[in-house]
Structure formats: structure tokens, C-alpha cells
Amino acid sequence: MYGLIGRIKAVAGKRAELAAVLVQDGSMPGCLSYVVAEDPADTDALWVTEVWVDQAAHRASLQLPQVQAAIAEGRPLIAGFDNRVETNVLGGIGLTR
């Protein structure tokens, strides 16, 4: 399994608005887990944790119309990305191998 953990800095005061764009109903083929969380130490930061069946599924998701729309909607709310880590996921509660 392929994982991504990233910290996104929202434009000052826009974290809730950005979170609303990132947390949408629906599913993406190959996505096993997608979690958006507020950073309690930074009022403008969000952490996004993703688990995919493989890296190819993640790459393919970036071409989905709903993902392209979310990127376009969210881009003006993003001040930057300051952490991003790729992981090899071994498992966890709620994940099946």
C-alpha cells in the first residue's frame, strides 16, 4: 500500500474553507483512507493522510473530474505546502491488505 502524509498551509483565516473543499463525500478508485485534520498548533494548517492500494491509483486519481474540480476550488485558499512524506503502509485499523 502507498501512503502520503502532507501538511497544507491555508491562506490566513481560510483553513475551514479549505478543509470544506478537501472533505467531500464520494469515493476514489484505489483509495483506502483519506483523512483531513486540523493542526492544533497552527490555526492555518491542515494535515492530509492518504492510503492507496498503490502509487498508480493515487496518480490516476489526480485526473478524476471531481479531484480536478477540488484542486481548482482549493488552489486560491492554499498558501503553501511545508511537509510531505511518502510511506509504504504496512496496515492498520480499517485497512485491509
N, C-alpha and C. Protein backbone atom coordinates (compact mmCIF):
# COMPACT_ATOMS: atom_id res chain seq x y z
N MET A 1 0.84 -1.17 0.00
CA MET A 1 0.00 0.00 0.00
C MET A 1 0.89 1.24 0.00
N TYR A 2 0.37 2.30 -0.59
CA TYR A 2 1.09 3.55 -0.74
C TYR A 2 0.43 4.61 0.14
N GLY A 3 1.23 5.37 0.87
CA GLY A 3 0.70 6.40 1.73
C GLY A 3 1.32 7.76 1.48
N LEU A 4 0.55 8.77 1.77
CA LEU A 4 1.01 10.16 1.71
C LEU A 4 0.55 10.86 2.97
N ILE A 5 1.43 11.64 3.55
CA ILE A 5 1.07 12.48 4.69
C ILE A 5 1.59 13.87 4.34
N GLY A 6 0.71 14.85 4.34
CA GLY A 6 1.13 16.19 3.97
C GLY A 6 0.49 17.26 4.83
N ARG A 7 1.23 18.33 5.02
CA ARG A 7 0.73 19.49 5.77
C ARG A 7 0.53 20.63 4.79
N ILE A 8 -0.68 21.15 4.77
CA ILE A 8 -1.04 22.23 3.87
C ILE A 8 -1.29 23.48 4.70
N LYS A 9 -0.67 24.57 4.31
CA LYS A 9 -0.90 25.87 4.95
C LYS A 9 -1.96 26.61 4.14
N ALA A 10 -3.04 26.95 4.81
CA ALA A 10 -4.10 27.72 4.17
C ALA A 10 -3.75 29.21 4.22
N VAL A 11 -4.33 29.96 3.33
CA VAL A 11 -4.25 31.42 3.41
C VAL A 11 -4.80 31.80 4.78
N ALA A 12 -4.21 32.79 5.42
CA ALA A 12 -4.61 33.19 6.78
C ALA A 12 -6.12 33.32 6.90
N GLY A 13 -6.67 32.62 7.88
CA GLY A 13 -8.10 32.68 8.16
C GLY A 13 -8.98 31.84 7.25
N LYS A 14 -8.39 31.07 6.34
CA LYS A 14 -9.17 30.30 5.36
C LYS A 14 -9.10 28.79 5.58
N ARG A 15 -8.58 28.34 6.75
CA ARG A 15 -8.43 26.91 6.97
C ARG A 15 -9.76 26.16 6.88
N ALA A 16 -10.80 26.65 7.51
CA ALA A 16 -12.09 25.95 7.49
C ALA A 16 -12.64 25.87 6.07
N GLU A 17 -12.46 26.92 5.31
CA GLU A 17 -12.93 26.93 3.92
C GLU A 17 -12.16 25.90 3.09
N LEU A 18 -10.85 25.84 3.28
CA LEU A 18 -10.04 24.85 2.56
C LEU A 18 -10.41 23.44 3.00
N ALA A 19 -10.61 23.23 4.29
CA ALA A 19 -10.99 21.91 4.78
C ALA A 19 -12.31 21.45 4.15
N ALA A 20 -13.25 22.38 3.99
CA ALA A 20 -14.54 22.03 3.39
C ALA A 20 -14.36 21.56 1.95
N VAL A 21 -13.40 22.12 1.23
CA VAL A 21 -13.12 21.69 -0.13
C VAL A 21 -12.50 20.30 -0.13
N LEU A 22 -11.59 20.07 0.82
CA LEU A 22 -10.87 18.79 0.87
C LEU A 22 -11.71 17.64 1.41
N VAL A 23 -12.65 17.94 2.30
CA VAL A 23 -13.50 16.91 2.90
C VAL A 23 -14.83 16.90 2.14
N GLN A 24 -14.91 16.07 1.14
CA GLN A 24 -16.13 15.96 0.34
C GLN A 24 -16.56 14.51 0.29
N ASP A 25 -17.86 14.32 0.17
CA ASP A 25 -18.38 12.96 0.04
C ASP A 25 -17.97 12.36 -1.29
N GLY A 26 -17.90 11.07 -1.32
CA GLY A 26 -17.57 10.39 -2.56
C GLY A 26 -16.48 9.36 -2.34
N SER A 27 -16.10 8.73 -3.41
CA SER A 27 -15.03 7.76 -3.31
C SER A 27 -14.12 7.92 -4.51
N MET A 28 -12.92 7.40 -4.36
CA MET A 28 -11.94 7.42 -5.44
C MET A 28 -11.42 6.00 -5.58
N PRO A 29 -11.40 5.48 -6.81
CA PRO A 29 -10.90 4.12 -7.00
C PRO A 29 -9.49 3.96 -6.45
N GLY A 30 -9.31 2.92 -5.64
CA GLY A 30 -7.99 2.64 -5.08
C GLY A 30 -7.67 3.37 -3.79
N CYS A 31 -8.54 4.27 -3.35
CA CYS A 31 -8.29 5.00 -2.10
C CYS A 31 -8.87 4.21 -0.94
N LEU A 32 -8.02 3.84 0.00
CA LEU A 32 -8.44 3.07 1.17
C LEU A 32 -8.73 3.96 2.36
N SER A 33 -8.09 5.12 2.41
CA SER A 33 -8.30 6.05 3.52
C SER A 33 -7.88 7.45 3.09
N TYR A 34 -8.68 8.44 3.46
CA TYR A 34 -8.36 9.84 3.16
C TYR A 34 -8.86 10.65 4.35
N VAL A 35 -7.94 11.22 5.11
CA VAL A 35 -8.28 11.91 6.35
C VAL A 35 -7.72 13.33 6.30
N VAL A 36 -8.57 14.29 6.61
CA VAL A 36 -8.17 15.70 6.72
C VAL A 36 -8.33 16.09 8.17
N ALA A 37 -7.28 16.68 8.76
CA ALA A 37 -7.30 17.03 10.18
C ALA A 37 -6.71 18.43 10.39
N GLU A 38 -7.25 19.14 11.36
CA GLU A 38 -6.69 20.44 11.73
C GLU A 38 -5.42 20.24 12.54
N ASP A 39 -4.45 21.11 12.32
CA ASP A 39 -3.23 21.12 13.12
C ASP A 39 -3.52 21.97 14.36
N PRO A 40 -3.53 21.38 15.56
CA PRO A 40 -3.87 22.14 16.76
C PRO A 40 -2.83 23.20 17.11
N ALA A 41 -1.63 23.10 16.56
CA ALA A 41 -0.56 24.05 16.87
C ALA A 41 -0.50 25.21 15.89
N ASP A 42 -1.29 25.15 14.81
CA ASP A 42 -1.23 26.19 13.77
C ASP A 42 -2.63 26.38 13.21
N THR A 43 -3.22 27.52 13.46
CA THR A 43 -4.61 27.77 13.07
C THR A 43 -4.83 27.87 11.57
N ASP A 44 -3.76 27.87 10.79
CA ASP A 44 -3.90 27.92 9.34
C ASP A 44 -3.46 26.64 8.65
N ALA A 45 -3.16 25.59 9.42
CA ALA A 45 -2.61 24.37 8.81
C ALA A 45 -3.56 23.18 8.92
N LEU A 46 -3.51 22.34 7.88
CA LEU A 46 -4.24 21.07 7.83
C LEU A 46 -3.25 19.96 7.53
N TRP A 47 -3.52 18.79 8.08
CA TRP A 47 -2.77 17.57 7.74
C TRP A 47 -3.69 16.69 6.91
N VAL A 48 -3.18 16.15 5.82
CA VAL A 48 -3.93 15.21 4.99
C VAL A 48 -3.16 13.90 4.98
N THR A 49 -3.84 12.82 5.37
CA THR A 49 -3.24 11.49 5.40
C THR A 49 -4.02 10.61 4.45
N GLU A 50 -3.31 10.01 3.50
CA GLU A 50 -3.95 9.19 2.47
C GLU A 50 -3.32 7.80 2.42
N VAL A 51 -4.15 6.79 2.16
CA VAL A 51 -3.66 5.44 1.91
C VAL A 51 -4.33 4.95 0.63
N TRP A 52 -3.49 4.46 -0.27
CA TRP A 52 -3.92 3.98 -1.58
C TRP A 52 -3.45 2.55 -1.78
N VAL A 53 -4.13 1.83 -2.66
CA VAL A 53 -3.70 0.46 -2.95
C VAL A 53 -2.28 0.46 -3.52
N ASP A 54 -1.96 1.49 -4.31
CA ASP A 54 -0.61 1.65 -4.84
C ASP A 54 -0.44 3.07 -5.36
N GLN A 55 0.78 3.41 -5.73
CA GLN A 55 1.08 4.76 -6.19
C GLN A 55 0.36 5.08 -7.50
N ALA A 56 0.17 4.09 -8.34
CA ALA A 56 -0.52 4.30 -9.62
C ALA A 56 -1.97 4.75 -9.39
N ALA A 57 -2.63 4.18 -8.39
CA ALA A 57 -4.01 4.58 -8.08
C ALA A 57 -4.06 6.04 -7.65
N HIS A 58 -3.08 6.44 -6.85
CA HIS A 58 -3.02 7.85 -6.43
C HIS A 58 -2.83 8.75 -7.65
N ARG A 59 -1.87 8.42 -8.50
CA ARG A 59 -1.62 9.22 -9.70
C ARG A 59 -2.86 9.32 -10.57
N ALA A 60 -3.56 8.20 -10.75
CA ALA A 60 -4.77 8.18 -11.58
C ALA A 60 -5.86 9.06 -10.98
N SER A 61 -5.94 9.13 -9.66
CA SER A 61 -6.98 9.92 -9.01
C SER A 61 -6.86 11.40 -9.36
N LEU A 62 -5.66 11.85 -9.64
CA LEU A 62 -5.45 13.26 -9.94
C LEU A 62 -6.09 13.68 -11.26
N GLN A 63 -6.50 12.71 -12.07
CA GLN A 63 -7.15 13.01 -13.34
C GLN A 63 -8.68 12.94 -13.25
N LEU A 64 -9.23 12.50 -12.11
CA LEU A 64 -10.68 12.41 -11.96
C LEU A 64 -11.30 13.80 -11.98
N PRO A 65 -12.46 13.96 -12.64
CA PRO A 65 -13.10 15.28 -12.72
C PRO A 65 -13.35 15.92 -11.35
N GLN A 66 -13.79 15.12 -10.37
CA GLN A 66 -14.07 15.69 -9.05
C GLN A 66 -12.80 16.15 -8.35
N VAL A 67 -11.69 15.46 -8.59
CA VAL A 67 -10.42 15.86 -7.99
C VAL A 67 -9.91 17.11 -8.68
N GLN A 68 -10.02 17.17 -10.00
CA GLN A 68 -9.62 18.37 -10.73
C GLN A 68 -10.43 19.59 -10.27
N ALA A 69 -11.73 19.40 -10.04
CA ALA A 69 -12.59 20.50 -9.57
C ALA A 69 -12.18 20.95 -8.17
N ALA A 70 -11.87 19.99 -7.28
CA ALA A 70 -11.44 20.34 -5.92
C ALA A 70 -10.11 21.09 -5.95
N ILE A 71 -9.19 20.66 -6.82
CA ILE A 71 -7.91 21.35 -6.95
C ILE A 71 -8.13 22.80 -7.38
N ALA A 72 -8.98 22.99 -8.38
CA ALA A 72 -9.26 24.35 -8.88
C ALA A 72 -9.92 25.21 -7.80
N GLU A 73 -10.84 24.63 -7.04
CA GLU A 73 -11.53 25.37 -5.98
C GLU A 73 -10.61 25.67 -4.80
N GLY A 74 -9.75 24.72 -4.47
CA GLY A 74 -8.89 24.88 -3.30
C GLY A 74 -7.64 25.70 -3.53
N ARG A 75 -7.12 25.71 -4.75
CA ARG A 75 -5.85 26.39 -5.04
C ARG A 75 -5.77 27.82 -4.50
N PRO A 76 -6.81 28.66 -4.67
CA PRO A 76 -6.70 30.04 -4.16
C PRO A 76 -6.68 30.12 -2.62
N LEU A 77 -7.04 29.04 -1.95
CA LEU A 77 -7.08 29.02 -0.48
C LEU A 77 -5.79 28.50 0.13
N ILE A 78 -4.86 28.04 -0.71
CA ILE A 78 -3.61 27.42 -0.23
C ILE A 78 -2.47 28.43 -0.26
N ALA A 79 -1.83 28.61 0.90
CA ALA A 79 -0.65 29.47 0.99
C ALA A 79 0.61 28.68 0.66
N GLY A 80 0.60 27.37 0.91
CA GLY A 80 1.77 26.56 0.61
C GLY A 80 1.69 25.19 1.23
N PHE A 81 2.69 24.39 0.91
CA PHE A 81 2.85 23.04 1.44
C PHE A 81 4.20 23.02 2.14
N ASP A 82 4.23 22.61 3.42
CA ASP A 82 5.52 22.66 4.10
C ASP A 82 6.04 21.30 4.57
N ASN A 83 5.26 20.27 4.43
CA ASN A 83 5.71 18.91 4.75
C ASN A 83 4.98 17.94 3.84
N ARG A 84 5.71 16.97 3.33
CA ARG A 84 5.09 15.91 2.52
C ARG A 84 5.98 14.68 2.63
N VAL A 85 5.36 13.58 3.00
CA VAL A 85 6.10 12.33 3.17
C VAL A 85 5.35 11.23 2.46
N GLU A 86 6.07 10.43 1.68
CA GLU A 86 5.51 9.23 1.08
C GLU A 86 5.87 8.06 1.99
N THR A 87 4.93 7.12 2.15
CA THR A 87 5.19 5.99 3.03
C THR A 87 4.79 4.67 2.35
N ASN A 88 5.34 3.59 2.84
CA ASN A 88 4.91 2.24 2.48
C ASN A 88 4.06 1.74 3.64
N VAL A 89 2.76 1.73 3.43
CA VAL A 89 1.82 1.40 4.50
C VAL A 89 1.82 -0.10 4.76
N LEU A 90 1.97 -0.47 6.02
CA LEU A 90 2.00 -1.89 6.41
C LEU A 90 0.62 -2.40 6.80
N GLY A 91 -0.25 -1.52 7.24
CA GLY A 91 -1.58 -1.92 7.66
C GLY A 91 -2.08 -1.01 8.76
N GLY A 92 -3.24 -1.33 9.30
CA GLY A 92 -3.80 -0.55 10.38
C GLY A 92 -5.28 -0.84 10.51
N ILE A 93 -5.88 -0.30 11.54
CA ILE A 93 -7.30 -0.50 11.79
C ILE A 93 -8.09 0.11 10.64
N GLY A 94 -8.99 -0.66 10.08
CA GLY A 94 -9.81 -0.20 8.97
C GLY A 94 -9.21 -0.43 7.60
N LEU A 95 -7.95 -0.86 7.55
CA LEU A 95 -7.30 -1.12 6.27
C LEU A 95 -7.17 -2.62 6.06
N THR A 96 -7.46 -3.05 4.84
CA THR A 96 -7.28 -4.47 4.53
C THR A 96 -6.14 -4.59 3.54
N ARG A 97 -5.42 -5.67 3.64
CA ARG A 97 -4.29 -5.90 2.73
C ARG A 97 -4.73 -6.60 1.49
